[in-house]
Amino acid sequence: MISIGVRLAVVEPRVVAAGFFAGSFVPRAMFEEARRVTIPLHVLLQWDDEGNDRQAALDLFDAFGSKEKSLHANMGGHTGVPQSAGDAAAQFFARHLR
């Protein structure tokens, strides 16, 4: 759940970069916490995810306070994540977790 990851990114100083899958319910309170997230972010959004409110995911992405954040959107539902999305996430972490 993205809410847990956002909370962890805010309170745990050892987290220096994060990857989020924008595919779950986001409580309104999470938007204020998202503004406090300043680490580099890699966010995956499945455009046609049946269980995901696309606009809420976009709003949450906008709320993140990170100067370096990227949104990777792919066609398809929750289970249709392409292999290239995993490759892009791996590259992100290779850059930030040296």
PDB file of N, CA and C in Angstrom:
ATOM      1  N   MET A   1       0.845  -1.173   0.000  1.00  0.00           N
ATOM      2  CA  MET A   1       0.000   0.000   0.000  1.00  0.00           C
ATOM      3  C   MET A   1       0.892   1.239   0.000  1.00  0.00           C
ATOM      4  N   ILE A   2       0.625   2.151  -0.901  1.00  0.00           N
ATOM      5  CA  ILE A   2       1.453   3.340  -1.064  1.00  0.00           C
ATOM      6  C   ILE A   2       1.469   4.203   0.196  1.00  0.00           C
ATOM      7  N   SER A   3       0.392   4.186   0.966  1.00  0.00           N
ATOM      8  CA  SER A   3       0.327   4.985   2.191  1.00  0.00           C
ATOM      9  C   SER A   3       1.414   4.592   3.178  1.00  0.00           C
ATOM     10  N   ILE A   4       1.696   3.323   3.282  1.00  0.00           N
ATOM     11  CA  ILE A   4       2.746   2.853   4.192  1.00  0.00           C
ATOM     12  C   ILE A   4       4.103   3.338   3.709  1.00  0.00           C
ATOM     13  N   GLY A   5       4.345   3.267   2.407  1.00  0.00           N
ATOM     14  CA  GLY A   5       5.606   3.725   1.851  1.00  0.00           C
ATOM     15  C   GLY A   5       5.820   5.217   2.035  1.00  0.00           C
ATOM     16  N   VAL A   6       4.768   5.995   1.863  1.00  0.00           N
ATOM     17  CA  VAL A   6       4.868   7.445   2.051  1.00  0.00           C
ATOM     18  C   VAL A   6       5.221   7.732   3.504  1.00  0.00           C
ATOM     19  N   ARG A   7       4.545   7.089   4.420  1.00  0.00           N
ATOM     20  CA  ARG A   7       4.806   7.291   5.854  1.00  0.00           C
ATOM     21  C   ARG A   7       6.241   6.916   6.192  1.00  0.00           C
ATOM     22  N   LEU A   8       6.700   5.796   5.676  1.00  0.00           N
ATOM     23  CA  LEU A   8       8.067   5.343   5.936  1.00  0.00           C
ATOM     24  C   LEU A   8       9.087   6.335   5.366  1.00  0.00           C
ATOM     25  N   ALA A   9       8.836   6.849   4.186  1.00  0.00           N
ATOM     26  CA  ALA A   9       9.751   7.826   3.576  1.00  0.00           C
ATOM     27  C   ALA A   9       9.848   9.104   4.397  1.00  0.00           C
ATOM     28  N   VAL A  10       8.791   9.443   5.103  1.00  0.00           N
ATOM     29  CA  VAL A  10       8.785  10.650   5.932  1.00  0.00           C
ATOM     30  C   VAL A  10       9.530  10.434   7.248  1.00  0.00           C
ATOM     31  N   VAL A  11       9.347   9.279   7.876  1.00  0.00           N
ATOM     32  CA  VAL A  11       9.866   9.092   9.239  1.00  0.00           C
ATOM     33  C   VAL A  11      11.196   8.363   9.332  1.00  0.00           C
ATOM     34  N   GLU A  12      11.633   7.692   8.281  1.00  0.00           N
ATOM     35  CA  GLU A  12      12.848   6.877   8.357  1.00  0.00           C
ATOM     36  C   GLU A  12      13.987   7.522   7.572  1.00  0.00           C
ATOM     37  N   PRO A  13      14.973   8.089   8.258  1.00  0.00           N
ATOM     38  CA  PRO A  13      16.061   8.787   7.570  1.00  0.00           C
ATOM     39  C   PRO A  13      16.972   7.880   6.738  1.00  0.00           C
ATOM     40  N   ARG A  14      16.932   6.579   6.984  1.00  0.00           N
ATOM     41  CA  ARG A  14      17.765   5.667   6.189  1.00  0.00           C
ATOM     42  C   ARG A  14      17.208   5.438   4.795  1.00  0.00           C
ATOM     43  N   VAL A  15      15.960   5.797   4.555  1.00  0.00           N
ATOM     44  CA  VAL A  15      15.359   5.662   3.226  1.00  0.00           C
ATOM     45  C   VAL A  15      15.823   6.850   2.391  1.00  0.00           C
ATOM     46  N   VAL A  16      16.646   6.570   1.371  1.00  0.00           N
ATOM     47  CA  VAL A  16      17.235   7.644   0.568  1.00  0.00           C
ATOM     48  C   VAL A  16      16.637   7.728  -0.842  1.00  0.00           C
ATOM     49  N   ALA A  17      15.822   6.781  -1.220  1.00  0.00           N
ATOM     50  CA  ALA A  17      15.121   6.778  -2.501  1.00  0.00           C
ATOM     51  C   ALA A  17      13.980   5.775  -2.378  1.00  0.00           C
ATOM     52  N   ALA A  18      12.917   5.977  -3.152  1.00  0.00           N
ATOM     53  CA  ALA A  18      11.775   5.069  -3.039  1.00  0.00           C
ATOM     54  C   ALA A  18      11.110   4.855  -4.389  1.00  0.00           C
ATOM     55  N   GLY A  19      10.556   3.666  -4.526  1.00  0.00           N
ATOM     56  CA  GLY A  19       9.736   3.327  -5.675  1.00  0.00           C
ATOM     57  C   GLY A  19       8.340   3.006  -5.177  1.00  0.00           C
ATOM     58  N   PHE A  20       7.343   3.621  -5.769  1.00  0.00           N
ATOM     59  CA  PHE A  20       5.956   3.415  -5.355  1.00  0.00           C
ATOM     60  C   PHE A  20       5.134   2.901  -6.520  1.00  0.00           C
ATOM     61  N   PHE A  21       4.188   2.006  -6.201  1.00  0.00           N
ATOM     62  CA  PHE A  21       3.212   1.530  -7.166  1.00  0.00           C
ATOM     63  C   PHE A  21       1.898   2.217  -6.830  1.00  0.00           C
ATOM     64  N   ALA A  22       1.471   3.122  -7.669  1.00  0.00           N
ATOM     65  CA  ALA A  22       0.272   3.920  -7.409  1.00  0.00           C
ATOM     66  C   ALA A  22      -0.966   3.118  -7.780  1.00  0.00           C
ATOM     67  N   GLY A  23      -1.331   2.198  -6.912  1.00  0.00           N
ATOM     68  CA  GLY A  23      -2.469   1.359  -7.233  1.00  0.00           C
ATOM     69  C   GLY A  23      -3.298   0.981  -6.029  1.00  0.00           C
ATOM     70  N   SER A  24      -3.444   1.882  -5.085  1.00  0.00           N
ATOM     71  CA  SER A  24      -4.269   1.584  -3.925  1.00  0.00           C
ATOM     72  C   SER A  24      -4.928   2.852  -3.418  1.00  0.00           C
ATOM     73  N   PHE A  25      -5.832   2.689  -2.483  1.00  0.00           N
ATOM     74  CA  PHE A  25      -6.542   3.820  -1.901  1.00  0.00           C
ATOM     75  C   PHE A  25      -5.560   4.732  -1.171  1.00  0.00           C
ATOM     76  N   VAL A  26      -5.720   6.024  -1.353  1.00  0.00           N
ATOM     77  CA  VAL A  26      -4.856   7.009  -0.699  1.00  0.00           C
ATOM     78  C   VAL A  26      -5.724   7.899   0.189  1.00  0.00           C
ATOM     79  N   PRO A  27      -5.573   7.769   1.508  1.00  0.00           N
ATOM     80  CA  PRO A  27      -6.347   8.643   2.399  1.00  0.00           C
ATOM     81  C   PRO A  27      -5.947  10.108   2.212  1.00  0.00           C
ATOM     82  N   ARG A  28      -6.861  11.013   2.390  1.00  0.00           N
ATOM     83  CA  ARG A  28      -6.596  12.446   2.236  1.00  0.00           C
ATOM     84  C   ARG A  28      -5.421  12.903   3.100  1.00  0.00           C
ATOM     85  N   ALA A  29      -5.271  12.362   4.293  1.00  0.00           N
ATOM     86  CA  ALA A  29      -4.174  12.754   5.192  1.00  0.00           C
ATOM     87  C   ALA A  29      -2.810  12.482   4.563  1.00  0.00           C
ATOM     88  N   MET A  30      -2.752  11.557   3.642  1.00  0.00           N
ATOM     89  CA  MET A  30      -1.489  11.187   3.013  1.00  0.00           C
ATOM     90  C   MET A  30      -0.941  12.299   2.129  1.00  0.00           C
ATOM     91  N   PHE A  31      -1.798  13.166   1.634  1.00  0.00           N
ATOM     92  CA  PHE A  31      -1.341  14.247   0.760  1.00  0.00           C
ATOM     93  C   PHE A  31      -0.448  15.227   1.513  1.00  0.00           C
ATOM     94  N   GLU A  32      -0.774  15.501   2.768  1.00  0.00           N
ATOM     95  CA  GLU A  32       0.071  16.388   3.568  1.00  0.00           C
ATOM     96  C   GLU A  32       1.414  15.723   3.848  1.00  0.00           C
ATOM     97  N   GLU A  33       1.407  14.439   4.143  1.00  0.00           N
ATOM     98  CA  GLU A  33       2.670  13.733   4.355  1.00  0.00           C
ATOM     99  C   GLU A  33       3.488  13.678   3.079  1.00  0.00           C
ATOM    100  N   ALA A  34       2.831  13.532   1.936  1.00  0.00           N
ATOM    101  CA  ALA A  34       3.538  13.460   0.655  1.00  0.00           C
ATOM    102  C   ALA A  34       4.347  14.736   0.406  1.00  0.00           C
ATOM    103  N   ARG A  35       3.852  15.859   0.849  1.00  0.00           N
ATOM    104  CA  ARG A  35       4.585  17.120   0.680  1.00  0.00           C
ATOM    105  C   ARG A  35       5.922  17.098   1.427  1.00  0.00           C
ATOM    106  N   ARG A  36       6.013  16.267   2.468  1.00  0.00           N
ATOM    107  CA  ARG A  36       7.227  16.172   3.281  1.00  0.00           C
ATOM    108  C   ARG A  36       8.225  15.150   2.729  1.00  0.00           C
ATOM    109  N   VAL A  37       7.838  14.415   1.696  1.00  0.00           N
ATOM    110  CA  VAL A  37       8.743  13.440   1.075  1.00  0.00           C
ATOM    111  C   VAL A  37       9.652  14.198   0.106  1.00  0.00           C
ATOM    112  N   THR A  38      10.953  14.167   0.381  1.00  0.00           N
ATOM    113  CA  THR A  38      11.901  14.931  -0.447  1.00  0.00           C
ATOM    114  C   THR A  38      12.968  14.058  -1.101  1.00  0.00           C
ATOM    115  N   ILE A  39      12.917  12.759  -0.875  1.00  0.00           N
ATOM    116  CA  ILE A  39      13.887  11.847  -1.481  1.00  0.00           C
ATOM    117  C   ILE A  39      13.528  11.613  -2.955  1.00  0.00           C
ATOM    118  N   PRO A  40      14.475  11.137  -3.765  1.00  0.00           N
ATOM    119  CA  PRO A  40      14.149  10.795  -5.157  1.00  0.00           C
ATOM    120  C   PRO A  40      13.070   9.707  -5.220  1.00  0.00           C
ATOM    121  N   LEU A  41      12.136   9.867  -6.150  1.00  0.00           N
ATOM    122  CA  LEU A  41      11.008   8.933  -6.273  1.00  0.00           C
ATOM    123  C   LEU A  41      10.843   8.414  -7.695  1.00  0.00           C
ATOM    124  N   HIS A  42      10.455   7.165  -7.756  1.00  0.00           N
ATOM    125  CA  HIS A  42      10.107   6.495  -9.007  1.00  0.00           C
ATOM    126  C   HIS A  42       8.698   5.948  -8.779  1.00  0.00           C
ATOM    127  N   VAL A  43       7.705   6.467  -9.490  1.00  0.00           N
ATOM    128  CA  VAL A  43       6.315   6.075  -9.272  1.00  0.00           C
ATOM    129  C   VAL A  43       5.773   5.389 -10.515  1.00  0.00           C
ATOM    130  N   LEU A  44       5.234   4.203 -10.328  1.00  0.00           N
ATOM    131  CA  LEU A  44       4.639   3.418 -11.405  1.00  0.00           C
ATOM    132  C   LEU A  44       3.121   3.539 -11.330  1.00  0.00           C
ATOM    133  N   LEU A  45       2.499   3.811 -12.460  1.00  0.00           N
ATOM    134  CA  LEU A  45       1.045   3.908 -12.548  1.00  0.00           C
ATOM    135  C   LEU A  45       0.563   3.077 -13.725  1.00  0.00           C
ATOM    136  N   GLN A  46      -0.269   2.099 -13.441  1.00  0.00           N
ATOM    137  CA  GLN A  46      -0.919   1.338 -14.499  1.00  0.00           C
ATOM    138  C   GLN A  46      -2.183   2.099 -14.886  1.00  0.00           C
ATOM    139  N   TRP A  47      -2.217   2.626 -16.080  1.00  0.00           N
ATOM    140  CA  TRP A  47      -3.237   3.559 -16.526  1.00  0.00           C
ATOM    141  C   TRP A  47      -4.651   3.013 -16.426  1.00  0.00           C
ATOM    142  N   ASP A  48      -4.823   1.722 -16.677  1.00  0.00           N
ATOM    143  CA  ASP A  48      -6.157   1.122 -16.695  1.00  0.00           C
ATOM    144  C   ASP A  48      -6.422   0.243 -15.477  1.00  0.00           C
ATOM    145  N   ASP A  49      -5.756   0.514 -14.371  1.00  0.00           N
ATOM    146  CA  ASP A  49      -5.900  -0.277 -13.145  1.00  0.00           C
ATOM    147  C   ASP A  49      -7.323  -0.114 -12.602  1.00  0.00           C
ATOM    148  N   GLU A  50      -8.057  -1.216 -12.541  1.00  0.00           N
ATOM    149  CA  GLU A  50      -9.453  -1.199 -12.119  1.00  0.00           C
ATOM    150  C   GLU A  50      -9.613  -0.741 -10.667  1.00  0.00           C
ATOM    151  N   GLY A  51      -8.634  -1.030  -9.821  1.00  0.00           N
ATOM    152  CA  GLY A  51      -8.733  -0.691  -8.409  1.00  0.00           C
ATOM    153  C   GLY A  51      -8.047   0.609  -8.049  1.00  0.00           C
ATOM    154  N   ASN A  52      -7.637   1.361  -9.043  1.00  0.00           N
ATOM    155  CA  ASN A  52      -6.874   2.576  -8.796  1.00  0.00           C
ATOM    156  C   ASN A  52      -7.639   3.794  -9.300  1.00  0.00           C
ATOM    157  N   ASP A  53      -7.739   4.783  -8.455  1.00  0.00           N
ATOM    158  CA  ASP A  53      -8.307   6.056  -8.873  1.00  0.00           C
ATOM    159  C   ASP A  53      -7.176   6.836  -9.534  1.00  0.00           C
ATOM    160  N   ARG A  54      -7.176   6.862 -10.852  1.00  0.00           N
ATOM    161  CA  ARG A  54      -6.081   7.477 -11.610  1.00  0.00           C
ATOM    162  C   ARG A  54      -5.838   8.924 -11.191  1.00  0.00           C
ATOM    163  N   GLN A  55      -6.906   9.691 -11.041  1.00  0.00           N
ATOM    164  CA  GLN A  55      -6.741  11.097 -10.676  1.00  0.00           C
ATOM    165  C   GLN A  55      -6.143  11.244  -9.278  1.00  0.00           C
ATOM    166  N   ALA A  56      -6.540  10.398  -8.357  1.00  0.00           N
ATOM    167  CA  ALA A  56      -5.955  10.450  -7.005  1.00  0.00           C
ATOM    168  C   ALA A  56      -4.469  10.132  -7.064  1.00  0.00           C
ATOM    169  N   ALA A  57      -4.088   9.179  -7.904  1.00  0.00           N
ATOM    170  CA  ALA A  57      -2.668   8.839  -8.051  1.00  0.00           C
ATOM    171  C   ALA A  57      -1.891  10.012  -8.639  1.00  0.00           C
ATOM    172  N   LEU A  58      -2.454  10.688  -9.632  1.00  0.00           N
ATOM    173  CA  LEU A  58      -1.801  11.854 -10.225  1.00  0.00           C
ATOM    174  C   LEU A  58      -1.710  13.006  -9.218  1.00  0.00           C
ATOM    175  N   ASP A  59      -2.759  13.192  -8.438  1.00  0.00           N
ATOM    176  CA  ASP A  59      -2.750  14.240  -7.419  1.00  0.00           C
ATOM    177  C   ASP A  59      -1.697  13.961  -6.354  1.00  0.00           C
ATOM    178  N   LEU A  60      -1.572  12.700  -5.956  1.00  0.00           N
ATOM    179  CA  LEU A  60      -0.557  12.339  -4.967  1.00  0.00           C
ATOM    180  C   LEU A  60       0.839  12.577  -5.534  1.00  0.00           C
ATOM    181  N   PHE A  61       1.056  12.203  -6.790  1.00  0.00           N
ATOM    182  CA  PHE A  61       2.348  12.446  -7.425  1.00  0.00           C
ATOM    183  C   PHE A  61       2.677  13.937  -7.402  1.00  0.00           C
ATOM    184  N   ASP A  62       1.707  14.758  -7.743  1.00  0.00           N
ATOM    185  CA  ASP A  62       1.910  16.208  -7.710  1.00  0.00           C
ATOM    186  C   ASP A  62       2.241  16.702  -6.309  1.00  0.00           C
ATOM    187  N   ALA A  63       1.683  16.073  -5.289  1.00  0.00           N
ATOM    188  CA  ALA A  63       1.878  16.516  -3.909  1.00  0.00           C
ATOM    189  C   ALA A  63       3.273  16.210  -3.374  1.00  0.00           C
ATOM    190  N   PHE A  64       3.947  15.198  -3.912  1.00  0.00           N
ATOM    191  CA  PHE A  64       5.273  14.855  -3.391  1.00  0.00           C
ATOM    192  C   PHE A  64       6.196  16.064  -3.463  1.00  0.00           C
ATOM    193  N   GLY A  65       6.958  16.289  -2.390  1.00  0.00           N
ATOM    194  CA  GLY A  65       7.860  17.416  -2.315  1.00  0.00           C
ATOM    195  C   GLY A  65       9.227  17.168  -2.922  1.00  0.00           C
ATOM    196  N   SER A  66       9.438  16.028  -3.511  1.00  0.00           N
ATOM    197  CA  SER A  66      10.731  15.668  -4.096  1.00  0.00           C
ATOM    198  C   SER A  66      11.066  16.540  -5.292  1.00  0.00           C
ATOM    199  N   LYS A  67      12.336  16.934  -5.374  1.00  0.00           N
ATOM    200  CA  LYS A  67      12.803  17.664  -6.542  1.00  0.00           C
ATOM    201  C   LYS A  67      13.055  16.707  -7.695  1.00  0.00           C
ATOM    202  N   GLU A  68      13.391  15.470  -7.352  1.00  0.00           N
ATOM    203  CA  GLU A  68      13.590  14.440  -8.377  1.00  0.00           C
ATOM    204  C   GLU A  68      12.517  13.383  -8.204  1.00  0.00           C
ATOM    205  N   LYS A  69      11.547  13.428  -9.093  1.00  0.00           N
ATOM    206  CA  LYS A  69      10.479  12.432  -9.079  1.00  0.00           C
ATOM    207  C   LYS A  69      10.087  12.146 -10.513  1.00  0.00           C
ATOM    208  N   SER A  70       9.790  10.882 -10.784  1.00  0.00           N
ATOM    209  CA  SER A  70       9.374  10.506 -12.130  1.00  0.00           C
ATOM    210  C   SER A  70       8.142   9.628 -12.043  1.00  0.00           C
ATOM    211  N   LEU A  71       7.248   9.812 -12.999  1.00  0.00           N
ATOM    212  CA  LEU A  71       6.021   9.035 -13.083  1.00  0.00           C
ATOM    213  C   LEU A  71       6.094   8.193 -14.346  1.00  0.00           C
ATOM    214  N   HIS A  72       5.947   6.891 -14.185  1.00  0.00           N
ATOM    215  CA  HIS A  72       6.013   5.958 -15.310  1.00  0.00           C
ATOM    216  C   HIS A  72       4.640   5.313 -15.462  1.00  0.00           C
ATOM    217  N   ALA A  73       3.912   5.738 -16.478  1.00  0.00           N
ATOM    218  CA  ALA A  73       2.573   5.220 -16.715  1.00  0.00           C
ATOM    219  C   ALA A  73       2.591   4.233 -17.877  1.00  0.00           C
ATOM    220  N   ASN A  74       1.894   3.134 -17.685  1.00  0.00           N
ATOM    221  CA  ASN A  74       1.791   2.093 -18.705  1.00  0.00           C
ATOM    222  C   ASN A  74       0.332   1.740 -18.918  1.00  0.00           C
ATOM    223  N   MET A  75      -0.014   1.394 -20.135  1.00  0.00           N
ATOM    224  CA  MET A  75      -1.358   0.908 -20.421  1.00  0.00           C
ATOM    225  C   MET A  75      -1.524  -0.439 -19.736  1.00  0.00           C
ATOM    226  N   GLY A  76      -2.735  -0.753 -19.377  1.00  0.00           N
ATOM    227  CA  GLY A  76      -3.009  -2.050 -18.789  1.00  0.00           C
ATOM    228  C   GLY A  76      -3.468  -1.949 -17.349  1.00  0.00           C
ATOM    229  N   GLY A  77      -3.948  -3.081 -16.864  1.00  0.00           N
ATOM    230  CA  GLY A  77      -4.476  -3.157 -15.510  1.00  0.00           C
ATOM    231  C   GLY A  77      -3.412  -3.458 -14.472  1.00  0.00           C
ATOM    232  N   HIS A  78      -3.875  -3.714 -13.275  1.00  0.00           N
ATOM    233  CA  HIS A  78      -3.005  -3.903 -12.117  1.00  0.00           C
ATOM    234  C   HIS A  78      -1.962  -4.996 -12.336  1.00  0.00           C
ATOM    235  N   THR A  79      -2.345  -6.066 -12.989  1.00  0.00           N
ATOM    236  CA  THR A  79      -1.416  -7.185 -13.194  1.00  0.00           C
ATOM    237  C   THR A  79      -0.718  -7.131 -14.551  1.00  0.00           C
ATOM    238  N   GLY A  80      -0.900  -6.053 -15.287  1.00  0.00           N
ATOM    239  CA  GLY A  80      -0.319  -5.952 -16.625  1.00  0.00           C
ATOM    240  C   GLY A  80       0.960  -5.140 -16.691  1.00  0.00           C
ATOM    241  N   VAL A  81       1.714  -5.103 -15.611  1.00  0.00           N
ATOM    242  CA  VAL A  81       2.950  -4.313 -15.586  1.00  0.00           C
ATOM    243  C   VAL A  81       3.962  -4.937 -16.548  1.00  0.00           C
ATOM    244  N   PRO A  82       4.453  -4.167 -17.505  1.00  0.00           N
ATOM    245  CA  PRO A  82       5.414  -4.711 -18.464  1.00  0.00           C
ATOM    246  C   PRO A  82       6.804  -4.893 -17.843  1.00  0.00           C
ATOM    247  N   GLN A  83       7.583  -5.785 -18.410  1.00  0.00           N
ATOM    248  CA  GLN A  83       8.944  -6.038 -17.933  1.00  0.00           C
ATOM    249  C   GLN A  83       9.779  -4.764 -17.954  1.00  0.00           C
ATOM    250  N   SER A  84       9.548  -3.909 -18.921  1.00  0.00           N
ATOM    251  CA  SER A  84      10.324  -2.672 -19.020  1.00  0.00           C
ATOM    252  C   SER A  84      10.129  -1.781 -17.795  1.00  0.00           C
ATOM    253  N   ALA A  85       8.979  -1.873 -17.133  1.00  0.00           N
ATOM    254  CA  ALA A  85       8.742  -1.088 -15.921  1.00  0.00           C
ATOM    255  C   ALA A  85       9.665  -1.554 -14.801  1.00  0.00           C
ATOM    256  N   GLY A  86       9.866  -2.845 -14.694  1.00  0.00           N
ATOM    257  CA  GLY A  86      10.806  -3.374 -13.704  1.00  0.00           C
ATOM    258  C   GLY A  86      12.229  -2.978 -14.017  1.00  0.00           C
ATOM    259  N   ASP A  87      12.571  -2.986 -15.291  1.00  0.00           N
ATOM    260  CA  ASP A  87      13.909  -2.574 -15.710  1.00  0.00           C
ATOM    261  C   ASP A  87      14.166  -1.109 -15.356  1.00  0.00           C
ATOM    262  N   ALA A  88      13.166  -0.250 -15.588  1.00  0.00           N
ATOM    263  CA  ALA A  88      13.313   1.178 -15.283  1.00  0.00           C
ATOM    264  C   ALA A  88      13.465   1.393 -13.778  1.00  0.00           C
ATOM    265  N   ALA A  89      12.721   0.644 -12.988  1.00  0.00           N
ATOM    266  CA  ALA A  89      12.839   0.756 -11.527  1.00  0.00           C
ATOM    267  C   ALA A  89      14.222   0.293 -11.069  1.00  0.00           C
ATOM    268  N   ALA A  90      14.726  -0.772 -11.647  1.00  0.00           N
ATOM    269  CA  ALA A  90      16.059  -1.268 -11.297  1.00  0.00           C
ATOM    270  C   ALA A  90      17.132  -0.231 -11.621  1.00  0.00           C
ATOM    271  N   GLN A  91      16.992   0.434 -12.753  1.00  0.00           N
ATOM    272  CA  GLN A  91      17.935   1.486 -13.126  1.00  0.00           C
ATOM    273  C   GLN A  91      17.869   2.661 -12.151  1.00  0.00           C
ATOM    274  N   PHE A  92      16.671   3.021 -11.740  1.00  0.00           N
ATOM    275  CA  PHE A  92      16.483   4.090 -10.764  1.00  0.00           C
ATOM    276  C   PHE A  92      17.227   3.762  -9.469  1.00  0.00           C
ATOM    277  N   PHE A  93      17.012   2.565  -8.955  1.00  0.00           N
ATOM    278  CA  PHE A  93      17.665   2.187  -7.698  1.00  0.00           C
ATOM    279  C   PHE A  93      19.176   2.025  -7.866  1.00  0.00           C
ATOM    280  N   ALA A  94      19.631   1.577  -9.005  1.00  0.00           N
ATOM    281  CA  ALA A  94      21.077   1.473  -9.241  1.00  0.00           C
ATOM    282  C   ALA A  94      21.718   2.862  -9.175  1.00  0.00           C
ATOM    283  N   ARG A  95      21.021   3.874  -9.664  1.00  0.00           N
ATOM    284  CA  ARG A  95      21.549   5.251  -9.605  1.00  0.00           C
ATOM    285  C   ARG A  95      21.570   5.813  -8.194  1.00  0.00           C
ATOM    286  N   HIS A  96      20.580   5.468  -7.392  1.00  0.00           N
ATOM    287  CA  HIS A  96      20.407   6.132  -6.099  1.00  0.00           C
ATOM    288  C   HIS A  96      20.892   5.331  -4.890  1.00  0.00           C
ATOM    289  N   LEU A  97      21.126   4.072  -5.052  1.00  0.00           N
ATOM    290  CA  LEU A  97      21.528   3.248  -3.907  1.00  0.00           C
ATOM    291  C   LEU A  97      22.946   2.727  -4.055  1.00  0.00           C
ATOM    292  N   ARG A  98      23.829   3.573  -4.438  1.00  0.00           N
ATOM    293  CA  ARG A  98      25.246   3.194  -4.594  1.00  0.00           C
ATOM    294  C   ARG A  98      25.951   3.236  -3.279  1.00  0.00           C
TER     295      ARG A  98
END
